[in-house]
Full PDB file with SEQRES, HELIX, SHEET, SSBOND, CRYST1, ORIGX, SCALE, CONECT and MASTER records, all heavy atoms in Angstrom:
SEQRES   1 A   42  ASP ASP CYS ARG THR ARG VAL THR GLU PRO ALA VAL ASP          
SEQRES   2 A   42  ARG PRO ALA ASP ILE ALA GLU ARG VAL ALA GLY LEU PRO          
SEQRES   3 A   42  ALA VAL GLY ALA GLY ALA ARG LEU TYR GLY GLU VAL PHE          
SEQRES   4 A   42  PRO ASP ALA                                                  
HELIX    1 AA1 PRO A   15  ILE A   18  5                                   4    
HELIX    2 AA2 ALA A   19  VAL A   22  1                                   4    
HELIX    3 AA3 ALA A   30  LEU A   34  1                                   5    
CRYST1    1.000    1.000    1.000  90.00  90.00  90.00 P 1           1          
ORIGX1      1.000000  0.000000  0.000000        0.00000                         
ORIGX2      0.000000  1.000000  0.000000        0.00000                         
ORIGX3      0.000000  0.000000  1.000000        0.00000                         
SCALE1      1.000000  0.000000  0.000000        0.00000                         
SCALE2      0.000000  1.000000  0.000000        0.00000                         
SCALE3      0.000000  0.000000  1.000000        0.00000                         
ATOM      1  N   ASP A   1      92.199 108.791 128.491  1.00  0.00           N  
ATOM      2  CA  ASP A   1      92.642 108.144 129.724  1.00  0.00           C  
ATOM      3  C   ASP A   1      91.510 107.465 130.431  1.00  0.00           C  
ATOM      4  O   ASP A   1      91.698 106.464 131.126  1.00  0.00           O  
ATOM      5  CB  ASP A   1      93.289 109.169 130.673  1.00  0.00           C  
ATOM      6  CG  ASP A   1      94.788 109.349 130.380  1.00  0.00           C  
ATOM      7  OD1 ASP A   1      95.358 108.554 129.604  1.00  0.00           O  
ATOM      8  OD2 ASP A   1      95.374 110.305 130.932  1.00  0.00           O  
ATOM      9  N   ASP A   2      90.307 108.042 130.305  1.00  0.00           N  
ATOM     10  CA  ASP A   2      89.075 107.452 130.813  1.00  0.00           C  
ATOM     11  C   ASP A   2      87.922 108.069 130.052  1.00  0.00           C  
ATOM     12  O   ASP A   2      88.146 108.881 129.150  1.00  0.00           O  
ATOM     13  CB  ASP A   2      88.940 107.652 132.342  1.00  0.00           C  
ATOM     14  CG  ASP A   2      88.981 109.120 132.758  1.00  0.00           C  
ATOM     15  OD1 ASP A   2      88.215 109.918 132.193  1.00  0.00           O  
ATOM     16  OD2 ASP A   2      89.830 109.465 133.596  1.00  0.00           O  
ATOM     17  N   CYS A   3      86.694 107.766 130.423  1.00  0.00           N  
ATOM     18  CA  CYS A   3      85.557 108.173 129.607  1.00  0.00           C  
ATOM     19  C   CYS A   3      85.307 109.677 129.586  1.00  0.00           C  
ATOM     20  O   CYS A   3      84.558 110.175 128.758  1.00  0.00           O  
ATOM     21  CB  CYS A   3      84.307 107.444 130.022  1.00  0.00           C  
ATOM     22  SG  CYS A   3      83.738 107.816 131.706  1.00  0.00           S  
ATOM     23  N   ARG A   4      85.957 110.396 130.488  1.00  0.00           N  
ATOM     24  CA  ARG A   4      85.781 111.853 130.551  1.00  0.00           C  
ATOM     25  C   ARG A   4      87.043 112.641 130.114  1.00  0.00           C  
ATOM     26  O   ARG A   4      86.989 113.853 130.014  1.00  0.00           O  
ATOM     27  CB  ARG A   4      85.439 112.275 131.984  1.00  0.00           C  
ATOM     28  CG  ARG A   4      84.073 111.828 132.461  1.00  0.00           C  
ATOM     29  CD  ARG A   4      83.872 112.219 133.918  1.00  0.00           C  
ATOM     30  NE  ARG A   4      82.515 111.891 134.375  1.00  0.00           N  
ATOM     31  CZ  ARG A   4      82.134 110.687 134.778  1.00  0.00           C  
ATOM     32  NH1 ARG A   4      83.010 109.686 134.775  1.00  0.00           N  
ATOM     33  NH2 ARG A   4      80.887 110.472 135.186  1.00  0.00           N  
ATOM     34  N   THR A   5      88.157 111.930 129.869  1.00  0.00           N  
ATOM     35  CA  THR A   5      89.413 112.632 129.682  1.00  0.00           C  
ATOM     36  C   THR A   5      90.076 112.267 128.379  1.00  0.00           C  
ATOM     37  O   THR A   5      90.656 111.176 128.230  1.00  0.00           O  
ATOM     38  CB  THR A   5      90.382 112.290 130.840  1.00  0.00           C  
ATOM     39  OG1 THR A   5      89.724 112.469 132.089  1.00  0.00           O  
ATOM     40  CG2 THR A   5      91.618 113.187 130.760  1.00  0.00           C  
ATOM     41  N   ARG A   6      89.944 113.184 127.378  1.00  0.00           N  
ATOM     42  CA  ARG A   6      90.642 112.971 126.102  1.00  0.00           C  
ATOM     43  C   ARG A   6      92.062 113.530 126.213  1.00  0.00           C  
ATOM     44  O   ARG A   6      92.284 114.621 126.711  1.00  0.00           O  
ATOM     45  CB  ARG A   6      89.870 113.681 124.981  1.00  0.00           C  
ATOM     46  CG  ARG A   6      90.541 113.607 123.632  1.00  0.00           C  
ATOM     47  CD  ARG A   6      89.565 113.873 122.473  1.00  0.00           C  
ATOM     48  NE  ARG A   6      88.683 114.995 122.724  1.00  0.00           N  
ATOM     49  CZ  ARG A   6      88.984 116.278 122.488  1.00  0.00           C  
ATOM     50  NH1 ARG A   6      90.207 116.584 122.008  1.00  0.00           N  
ATOM     51  NH2 ARG A   6      88.097 117.213 122.710  1.00  0.00           N  
ATOM     52  N   VAL A   7      93.028 112.773 125.707  1.00  0.00           N  
ATOM     53  CA  VAL A   7      94.441 113.139 125.858  1.00  0.00           C  
ATOM     54  C   VAL A   7      95.106 113.467 124.525  1.00  0.00           C  
ATOM     55  O   VAL A   7      96.266 113.840 124.521  1.00  0.00           O  
ATOM     56  CB  VAL A   7      95.241 112.049 126.607  1.00  0.00           C  
ATOM     57  CG1 VAL A   7      94.764 111.933 128.047  1.00  0.00           C  
ATOM     58  CG2 VAL A   7      95.140 110.695 125.906  1.00  0.00           C  
ATOM     59  N   THR A   8      94.415 113.296 123.409  1.00  0.00           N  
ATOM     60  CA  THR A   8      94.946 113.723 122.114  1.00  0.00           C  
ATOM     61  C   THR A   8      93.883 114.491 121.373  1.00  0.00           C  
ATOM     62  O   THR A   8      92.689 114.349 121.623  1.00  0.00           O  
ATOM     63  CB  THR A   8      95.388 112.516 121.253  1.00  0.00           C  
ATOM     64  OG1 THR A   8      94.226 111.756 120.871  1.00  0.00           O  
ATOM     65  CG2 THR A   8      96.398 111.629 121.965  1.00  0.00           C  
ATOM     66  N   GLU A   9      94.298 115.346 120.454  1.00  0.00           N  
ATOM     67  CA  GLU A   9      93.364 116.053 119.611  1.00  0.00           C  
ATOM     68  C   GLU A   9      92.735 115.082 118.588  1.00  0.00           C  
ATOM     69  O   GLU A   9      93.429 114.107 118.177  1.00  0.00           O  
ATOM     70  CB  GLU A   9      94.052 117.177 118.877  1.00  0.00           C  
ATOM     71  CG  GLU A   9      94.500 118.337 119.768  1.00  0.00           C  
ATOM     72  CD  GLU A   9      93.293 118.973 120.475  1.00  0.00           C  
ATOM     73  OE1 GLU A   9      92.267 119.227 119.799  1.00  0.00           O  
ATOM     74  OE2 GLU A   9      93.401 119.201 121.699  1.00  0.00           O  
ATOM     75  N   PRO A  10      91.511 115.274 118.180  1.00  0.00           N  
ATOM     76  CA  PRO A  10      90.924 114.414 117.153  1.00  0.00           C  
ATOM     77  C   PRO A  10      91.789 114.480 115.880  1.00  0.00           C  
ATOM     78  O   PRO A  10      92.323 115.524 115.503  1.00  0.00           O  
ATOM     79  CB  PRO A  10      89.557 115.034 116.914  1.00  0.00           C  
ATOM     80  CG  PRO A  10      89.239 115.754 118.177  1.00  0.00           C  
ATOM     81  CD  PRO A  10      90.553 116.283 118.670  1.00  0.00           C  
ATOM     82  N   ALA A  11      91.914 113.323 115.214  1.00  0.00           N  
ATOM     83  CA  ALA A  11      92.726 113.224 114.008  1.00  0.00           C  
ATOM     84  C   ALA A  11      92.032 112.293 113.009  1.00  0.00           C  
ATOM     85  O   ALA A  11      91.095 111.569 113.361  1.00  0.00           O  
ATOM     86  CB  ALA A  11      94.107 112.700 114.345  1.00  0.00           C  
ATOM     87  N   VAL A  12      92.475 112.354 111.756  1.00  0.00           N  
ATOM     88  CA  VAL A  12      91.972 111.422 110.727  1.00  0.00           C  
ATOM     89  C   VAL A  12      93.186 110.757 110.115  1.00  0.00           C  
ATOM     90  O   VAL A  12      94.135 111.398 109.694  1.00  0.00           O  
ATOM     91  CB  VAL A  12      91.125 112.162 109.673  1.00  0.00           C  
ATOM     92  CG1 VAL A  12      91.903 113.287 108.975  1.00  0.00           C  
ATOM     93  CG2 VAL A  12      90.578 111.199 108.647  1.00  0.00           C  
ATOM     94  N   ASP A  13      93.135 109.402 110.090  1.00  0.00           N  
ATOM     95  CA  ASP A  13      94.270 108.620 109.612  1.00  0.00           C  
ATOM     96  C   ASP A  13      93.787 107.298 109.067  1.00  0.00           C  
ATOM     97  O   ASP A  13      92.670 106.839 109.404  1.00  0.00           O  
ATOM     98  CB  ASP A  13      95.294 108.333 110.715  1.00  0.00           C  
ATOM     99  CG  ASP A  13      96.049 109.562 111.144  1.00  0.00           C  
ATOM    100  OD1 ASP A  13      96.937 110.000 110.389  1.00  0.00           O  
ATOM    101  OD2 ASP A  13      95.782 110.051 112.277  1.00  0.00           O  
ATOM    102  N   ARG A  14      94.643 106.656 108.271  1.00  0.00           N  
ATOM    103  CA  ARG A  14      94.420 105.263 107.912  1.00  0.00           C  
ATOM    104  C   ARG A  14      94.685 104.396 109.127  1.00  0.00           C  
ATOM    105  O   ARG A  14      95.698 104.611 109.824  1.00  0.00           O  
ATOM    106  CB  ARG A  14      95.286 104.846 106.724  1.00  0.00           C  
ATOM    107  CG  ARG A  14      94.876 105.475 105.410  1.00  0.00           C  
ATOM    108  CD  ARG A  14      95.742 104.988 104.275  1.00  0.00           C  
ATOM    109  NE  ARG A  14      95.276 105.541 102.998  1.00  0.00           N  
ATOM    110  CZ  ARG A  14      94.378 104.936 102.217  1.00  0.00           C  
ATOM    111  NH1 ARG A  14      93.858 103.766 102.601  1.00  0.00           N  
ATOM    112  NH2 ARG A  14      94.015 105.504 101.067  1.00  0.00           N  
ATOM    113  N   PRO A  15      93.851 103.410 109.406  1.00  0.00           N  
ATOM    114  CA  PRO A  15      94.061 102.581 110.589  1.00  0.00           C  
ATOM    115  C   PRO A  15      95.464 101.976 110.679  1.00  0.00           C  
ATOM    116  O   PRO A  15      96.065 101.957 111.770  1.00  0.00           O  
ATOM    117  CB  PRO A  15      92.974 101.501 110.469  1.00  0.00           C  
ATOM    118  CG  PRO A  15      91.895 102.189 109.689  1.00  0.00           C  
ATOM    119  CD  PRO A  15      92.585 103.065 108.721  1.00  0.00           C  
ATOM    120  N   ALA A  16      95.969 101.485 109.547  1.00  0.00           N  
ATOM    121  CA  ALA A  16      97.291 100.859 109.585  1.00  0.00           C  
ATOM    122  C   ALA A  16      98.375 101.834 110.031  1.00  0.00           C  
ATOM    123  O   ALA A  16      99.372 101.446 110.626  1.00  0.00           O  
ATOM    124  CB  ALA A  16      97.631 100.274 108.210  1.00  0.00           C  
ATOM    125  N   ASP A  17      98.171 103.131 109.752  1.00  0.00           N  
ATOM    126  CA  ASP A  17      99.183 104.132 110.109  1.00  0.00           C  
ATOM    127  C   ASP A  17      99.240 104.457 111.586  1.00  0.00           C  
ATOM    128  O   ASP A  17     100.204 105.061 112.073  1.00  0.00           O  
ATOM    129  CB  ASP A  17      98.956 105.414 109.300  1.00  0.00           C  
ATOM    130  CG  ASP A  17      99.167 105.221 107.821  1.00  0.00           C  
ATOM    131  OD1 ASP A  17      99.833 104.246 107.414  1.00  0.00           O  
ATOM    132  OD2 ASP A  17      98.640 106.040 107.034  1.00  0.00           O  
ATOM    133  N   ILE A  18      98.179 104.093 112.307  1.00  0.00           N  
ATOM    134  CA  ILE A  18      98.165 104.382 113.758  1.00  0.00           C  
ATOM    135  C   ILE A  18      98.210 103.121 114.601  1.00  0.00           C  
ATOM    136  O   ILE A  18      98.022 103.167 115.814  1.00  0.00           O  
ATOM    137  CB  ILE A  18      96.910 105.238 114.151  1.00  0.00           C  
ATOM    138  CG1 ILE A  18      95.618 104.448 113.823  1.00  0.00           C  
ATOM    139  CG2 ILE A  18      96.928 106.577 113.453  1.00  0.00           C  
ATOM    140  CD1 ILE A  18      94.373 105.139 114.365  1.00  0.00           C  
ATOM    141  N   ALA A  19      98.436 101.987 113.968  1.00  0.00           N  
ATOM    142  CA  ALA A  19      98.388 100.703 114.656  1.00  0.00           C  
ATOM    143  C   ALA A  19      99.275 100.655 115.859  1.00  0.00           C  
ATOM    144  O   ALA A  19      98.887 100.153 116.929  1.00  0.00           O  
ATOM    145  CB  ALA A  19      98.730  99.563 113.695  1.00  0.00           C  
ATOM    146  N   GLU A  20     100.488 101.186 115.754  1.00  0.00           N  
ATOM    147  CA  GLU A  20     101.408 101.149 116.887  1.00  0.00           C  
ATOM    148  C   GLU A  20     100.918 102.044 118.020  1.00  0.00           C  
ATOM    149  O   GLU A  20     101.123 101.711 119.212  1.00  0.00           O  
ATOM    150  CB  GLU A  20     102.807 101.570 116.448  1.00  0.00           C  
ATOM    151  CG  GLU A  20     103.500 100.568 115.531  1.00  0.00           C  
ATOM    152  CD  GLU A  20     104.930 100.953 115.234  1.00  0.00           C  
ATOM    153  OE1 GLU A  20     105.392 101.984 115.803  1.00  0.00           O  
ATOM    154  OE2 GLU A  20     105.585 100.246 114.430  1.00  0.00           O  
ATOM    155  N   ARG A  21     100.314 103.159 117.689  1.00  0.00           N  
ATOM    156  CA  ARG A  21      99.854 104.095 118.714  1.00  0.00           C  
ATOM    157  C   ARG A  21      98.631 103.628 119.492  1.00  0.00           C  
ATOM    158  O   ARG A  21      98.387 104.105 120.619  1.00  0.00           O  
ATOM    159  CB  ARG A  21      99.580 105.479 118.084  1.00  0.00           C  
ATOM    160  CG  ARG A  21     100.835 106.251 117.750  1.00  0.00           C  
ATOM    161  CD  ARG A  21     100.502 107.607 117.131  1.00  0.00           C  
ATOM    162  NE  ARG A  21     100.222 107.493 115.698  1.00  0.00           N  
ATOM    163  CZ  ARG A  21      99.813 108.502 114.948  1.00  0.00           C  
ATOM    164  NH1 ARG A  21      99.590 109.683 115.493  1.00  0.00           N  
ATOM    165  NH2 ARG A  21      99.593 108.315 113.654  1.00  0.00           N  
ATOM    166  N   VAL A  22      97.861 102.726 118.917  1.00  0.00           N  
ATOM    167  CA  VAL A  22      96.646 102.246 119.585  1.00  0.00           C  
ATOM    168  C   VAL A  22      96.760 100.780 120.022  1.00  0.00           C  
ATOM    169  O   VAL A  22      95.820 100.222 120.560  1.00  0.00           O  
ATOM    170  CB  VAL A  22      95.424 102.420 118.656  1.00  0.00           C  
ATOM    171  CG1 VAL A  22      95.272 103.875 118.266  1.00  0.00           C  
ATOM    172  CG2 VAL A  22      95.496 101.545 117.425  1.00  0.00           C  
ATOM    173  N   ALA A  23      97.929 100.173 119.807  1.00  0.00           N  
ATOM    174  CA  ALA A  23      98.111  98.760 120.127  1.00  0.00           C  
ATOM    175  C   ALA A  23      97.820  98.466 121.591  1.00  0.00           C  
ATOM    176  O   ALA A  23      98.240  99.189 122.482  1.00  0.00           O  
ATOM    177  CB  ALA A  23      99.539  98.330 119.773  1.00  0.00           C  
ATOM    178  N   GLY A  24      97.029  97.432 121.813  1.00  0.00           N  
ATOM    179  CA  GLY A  24      96.750  96.986 123.174  1.00  0.00           C  
ATOM    180  C   GLY A  24      95.639  97.750 123.862  1.00  0.00           C  
ATOM    181  O   GLY A  24      95.312  97.430 125.028  1.00  0.00           O  
ATOM    182  N   LEU A  25      95.050  98.723 123.202  1.00  0.00           N  
ATOM    183  CA  LEU A  25      94.004  99.539 123.846  1.00  0.00           C  
ATOM    184  C   LEU A  25      92.606  99.086 123.398  1.00  0.00           C  
ATOM    185  O   LEU A  25      92.416  98.789 122.204  1.00  0.00           O  
ATOM    186  CB  LEU A  25      94.183 101.017 123.487  1.00  0.00           C  
ATOM    187  CG  LEU A  25      95.446 101.683 124.010  1.00  0.00           C  
ATOM    188  CD1 LEU A  25      95.516 103.110 123.468  1.00  0.00           C  
ATOM    189  CD2 LEU A  25      95.492 101.691 125.516  1.00  0.00           C  
ATOM    190  N   PRO A  26      91.653  99.048 124.283  1.00  0.00           N  
ATOM    191  CA  PRO A  26      90.267  98.864 123.868  1.00  0.00           C  
ATOM    192  C   PRO A  26      89.855 100.026 122.961  1.00  0.00           C  
ATOM    193  O   PRO A  26      90.444 101.114 123.028  1.00  0.00           O  
ATOM    194  CB  PRO A  26      89.480  98.870 125.178  1.00  0.00           C  
ATOM    195  CG  PRO A  26      90.474  98.704 126.262  1.00  0.00           C  
ATOM    196  CD  PRO A  26      91.778  99.226 125.749  1.00  0.00           C  
ATOM    197  N   ALA A  27      88.862  99.822 122.148  1.00  0.00           N  
ATOM    198  CA  ALA A  27      88.379 100.852 121.258  1.00  0.00           C  
ATOM    199  C   ALA A  27      86.848 100.762 121.138  1.00  0.00           C  
ATOM    200  O   ALA A  27      86.275  99.688 121.126  1.00  0.00           O  
ATOM    201  CB  ALA A  27      89.022 100.714 119.889  1.00  0.00           C  
ATOM    202  N   VAL A  28      86.245 101.952 121.001  1.00  0.00           N  
ATOM    203  CA  VAL A  28      84.788 102.024 120.775  1.00  0.00           C  
ATOM    204  C   VAL A  28      84.526 102.806 119.498  1.00  0.00           C  
ATOM    205  O   VAL A  28      85.387 103.553 119.039  1.00  0.00           O  
ATOM    206  CB  VAL A  28      84.064 102.669 121.971  1.00  0.00           C  
ATOM    207  CG1 VAL A  28      84.354 101.916 123.256  1.00  0.00           C  
ATOM    208  CG2 VAL A  28      84.458 104.127 122.132  1.00  0.00           C  
ATOM    209  N   GLY A  29      83.339 102.626 118.948  1.00  0.00           N  
ATOM    210  CA  GLY A  29      82.969 103.348 117.745  1.00  0.00           C  
ATOM    211  C   GLY A  29      82.922 102.442 116.515  1.00  0.00           C  
ATOM    212  O   GLY A  29      83.513 101.357 116.500  1.00  0.00           O  
ATOM    213  N   ALA A  30      82.230 102.909 115.483  1.00  0.00           N  
ATOM    214  CA  ALA A  30      82.064 102.119 114.261  1.00  0.00           C  
ATOM    215  C   ALA A  30      83.385 101.859 113.551  1.00  0.00           C  
ATOM    216  O   ALA A  30      83.547 100.845 112.898  1.00  0.00           O  
ATOM    217  CB  ALA A  30      81.083 102.813 113.322  1.00  0.00           C  
ATOM    218  N   GLY A  31      84.332 102.788 113.661  1.00  0.00           N  
ATOM    219  CA  GLY A  31      85.622 102.577 113.043  1.00  0.00           C  
ATOM    220  C   GLY A  31      86.381 101.438 113.665  1.00  0.00           C  
ATOM    221  O   GLY A  31      87.068 100.689 112.958  1.00  0.00           O  
ATOM    222  N   ALA A  32      86.220 101.251 114.954  1.00  0.00           N  
ATOM    223  CA  ALA A  32      86.862 100.125 115.616  1.00  0.00           C  
ATOM    224  C   ALA A  32      86.270  98.792 115.123  1.00  0.00           C  
ATOM    225  O   ALA A  32      86.993  97.805 114.926  1.00  0.00           O  
ATOM    226  CB  ALA A  32      86.713 100.248 117.131  1.00  0.00           C  
ATOM    227  N   ARG A  33      84.942  98.766 114.924  1.00  0.00           N  
ATOM    228  CA  ARG A  33      84.309  97.546 114.438  1.00  0.00           C  
ATOM    229  C   ARG A  33      84.683  97.252 112.995  1.00  0.00           C  
ATOM    230  O   ARG A  33      84.831  96.111 112.596  1.00  0.00           O  
ATOM    231  CB  ARG A  33      82.792  97.686 114.528  1.00  0.00           C  
ATOM    232  CG  ARG A  33      82.232  97.887 115.926  1.00  0.00           C  
ATOM    233  CD  ARG A  33      82.434  96.672 116.810  1.00  0.00           C  
ATOM    234  NE  ARG A  33      81.950  96.907 118.166  1.00  0.00           N  
ATOM    235  CZ  ARG A  33      80.790  96.402 118.620  1.00  0.00           C  
ATOM    236  NH1 ARG A  33      80.062  95.660 117.825  1.00  0.00           N  
ATOM    237  NH2 ARG A  33      80.405  96.634 119.845  1.00  0.00           N  
ATOM    238  N   LEU A  34      84.901  98.300 112.227  1.00  0.00           N  
ATOM    239  CA  LEU A  34      85.207  98.167 110.812  1.00  0.00           C  
ATOM    240  C   LEU A  34      86.604  97.662 110.554  1.00  0.00           C  
ATOM    241  O   LEU A  34      86.869  96.936 109.588  1.00  0.00           O  
ATOM    242  CB  LEU A  34      84.982  99.514 110.122  1.00  0.00           C  
ATOM    243  CG  LEU A  34      84.969  99.548 108.595  1.00  0.00           C  
ATOM    244  CD1 LEU A  34      83.870  98.630 108.020  1.00  0.00           C  
ATOM    245  CD2 LEU A  34      84.766 100.981 108.103  1.00  0.00           C  
ATOM    246  N   TYR A  35      87.544  98.034 111.436  1.00  0.00           N  
ATOM    247  CA  TYR A  35      88.960  97.654 111.223  1.00  0.00           C  
ATOM    248  C   TYR A  35      89.457  96.850 112.410  1.00  0.00           C  
ATOM    249  O   TYR A  35      90.321  97.262 113.203  1.00  0.00           O  
ATOM    250  CB  TYR A  35      89.801  98.920 111.034  1.00  0.00           C  
ATOM    251  CG  TYR A  35      89.383  99.732 109.816  1.00  0.00           C  
ATOM    252  CD1 TYR A  35      88.576 100.876 109.972  1.00  0.00           C  
ATOM    253  CD2 TYR A  35      89.734  99.336 108.528  1.00  0.00           C  
ATOM    254  CE1 TYR A  35      88.173 101.595 108.837  1.00  0.00           C  
ATOM    255  CE2 TYR A  35      89.302 100.050 107.407  1.00  0.00           C  
ATOM    256  CZ  TYR A  35      88.529 101.166 107.581  1.00  0.00           C  
ATOM    257  OH  TYR A  35      88.121 101.891 106.485  1.00  0.00           O  
ATOM    258  N   GLY A  36      88.898  95.662 112.521  1.00  0.00           N  
ATOM    259  CA  GLY A  36      89.202  94.782 113.647  1.00  0.00           C  
ATOM    260  C   GLY A  36      90.636  94.330 113.711  1.00  0.00           C  
ATOM    261  O   GLY A  36      91.148  94.007 114.792  1.00  0.00           O  
ATOM    262  N   GLU A  37      91.352  94.363 112.570  1.00  0.00           N  
ATOM    263  CA  GLU A  37      92.771  93.949 112.567  1.00  0.00           C  
ATOM    264  C   GLU A  37      93.622  94.951 113.326  1.00  0.00           C  
ATOM    265  O   GLU A  37      94.671  94.605 113.883  1.00  0.00           O  
ATOM    266  CB  GLU A  37      93.281  93.784 111.154  1.00  0.00           C  
ATOM    267  CG  GLU A  37      93.412  95.064 110.323  1.00  0.00           C  
ATOM    268  CD  GLU A  37      92.097  95.552 109.737  1.00  0.00           C  
ATOM    269  OE1 GLU A  37      91.054  94.959 110.028  1.00  0.00           O  
ATOM    270  OE2 GLU A  37      92.144  96.518 108.950  1.00  0.00           O  
ATOM    271  N   VAL A  38      93.197  96.214 113.406  1.00  0.00           N  
ATOM    272  CA  VAL A  38      93.919  97.256 114.153  1.00  0.00           C  
ATOM    273  C   VAL A  38      93.312  97.451 115.545  1.00  0.00           C  
ATOM    274  O   VAL A  38      94.021  97.764 116.493  1.00  0.00           O  
ATOM    275  CB  VAL A  38      93.904  98.576 113.371  1.00  0.00           C  
ATOM    276  CG1 VAL A  38      94.547  99.706 114.191  1.00  0.00           C  
ATOM    277  CG2 VAL A  38      94.636  98.426 112.052  1.00  0.00           C  
ATOM    278  N   PHE A  39      91.992  97.238 115.649  1.00  0.00           N  
ATOM    279  CA  PHE A  39      91.292  97.397 116.920  1.00  0.00           C  
ATOM    280  C   PHE A  39      90.642  96.066 117.354  1.00  0.00           C  
ATOM    281  O   PHE A  39      89.422  95.924 117.259  1.00  0.00           O  
ATOM    282  CB  PHE A  39      90.221  98.482 116.787  1.00  0.00           C  
ATOM    283  CG  PHE A  39      90.712  99.822 116.275  1.00  0.00           C  
ATOM    284  CD1 PHE A  39      90.483 100.167 114.960  1.00  0.00           C  
ATOM    285  CD2 PHE A  39      91.392 100.680 117.104  1.00  0.00           C  
ATOM    286  CE1 PHE A  39      90.904 101.398 114.472  1.00  0.00           C  
ATOM    287  CE2 PHE A  39      91.825 101.926 116.625  1.00  0.00           C  
ATOM    288  CZ  PHE A  39      91.593 102.266 115.313  1.00  0.00           C  
ATOM    289  N   PRO A  40      91.462  95.079 117.740  1.00  0.00           N  
ATOM    290  CA  PRO A  40      90.878  93.761 118.038  1.00  0.00           C  
ATOM    291  C   PRO A  40      89.970  93.731 119.274  1.00  0.00           C  
ATOM    292  O   PRO A  40      89.151  92.851 119.431  1.00  0.00           O  
ATOM    293  CB  PRO A  40      92.124  92.894 118.252  1.00  0.00           C  
ATOM    294  CG  PRO A  40      93.212  93.844 118.642  1.00  0.00           C  
ATOM    295  CD  PRO A  40      92.921  95.106 117.909  1.00  0.00           C  
ATOM    296  N   ASP A  41      90.141  94.725 120.178  1.00  0.00           N  
ATOM    297  CA  ASP A  41      89.336  94.764 121.394  1.00  0.00           C  
ATOM    298  C   ASP A  41      88.258  95.843 121.226  1.00  0.00           C  
ATOM    299  O   ASP A  41      88.256  96.854 121.945  1.00  0.00           O  
ATOM    300  CB  ASP A  41      90.216  95.043 122.601  1.00  0.00           C  
ATOM    301  CG  ASP A  41      89.447  94.907 123.938  1.00  0.00           C  
ATOM    302  OD1 ASP A  41      88.271  94.513 123.910  1.00  0.00           O  
ATOM    303  OD2 ASP A  41      90.074  95.217 124.986  1.00  0.00           O  
ATOM    304  N   ALA A  42      87.347  95.669 120.279  1.00  0.00           N  
ATOM    305  CA  ALA A  42      86.298  96.621 120.021  1.00  0.00           C  
ATOM    306  C   ALA A  42      85.136  96.429 121.018  1.00  0.00           C  
ATOM    307  O   ALA A  42      84.697  95.316 121.254  1.00  0.00           O  
ATOM    308  CB  ALA A  42      85.783  96.476 118.599  1.00  0.00           C  
TER     309      ALA A  42                                                      
MASTER        0    0    0    3    0    0    0    6  308    1    0    4          
END                                                                             
């Protein structure tokens, strides 16, 4: 929800499988840079 508040448990998934759940959200981290088609706002 913000930089101090995690709202989901950590998970491991293929980016395409979570595309709908992360759509429209900014993303940070190397995974966001690697899969820009799912995380366009890295």
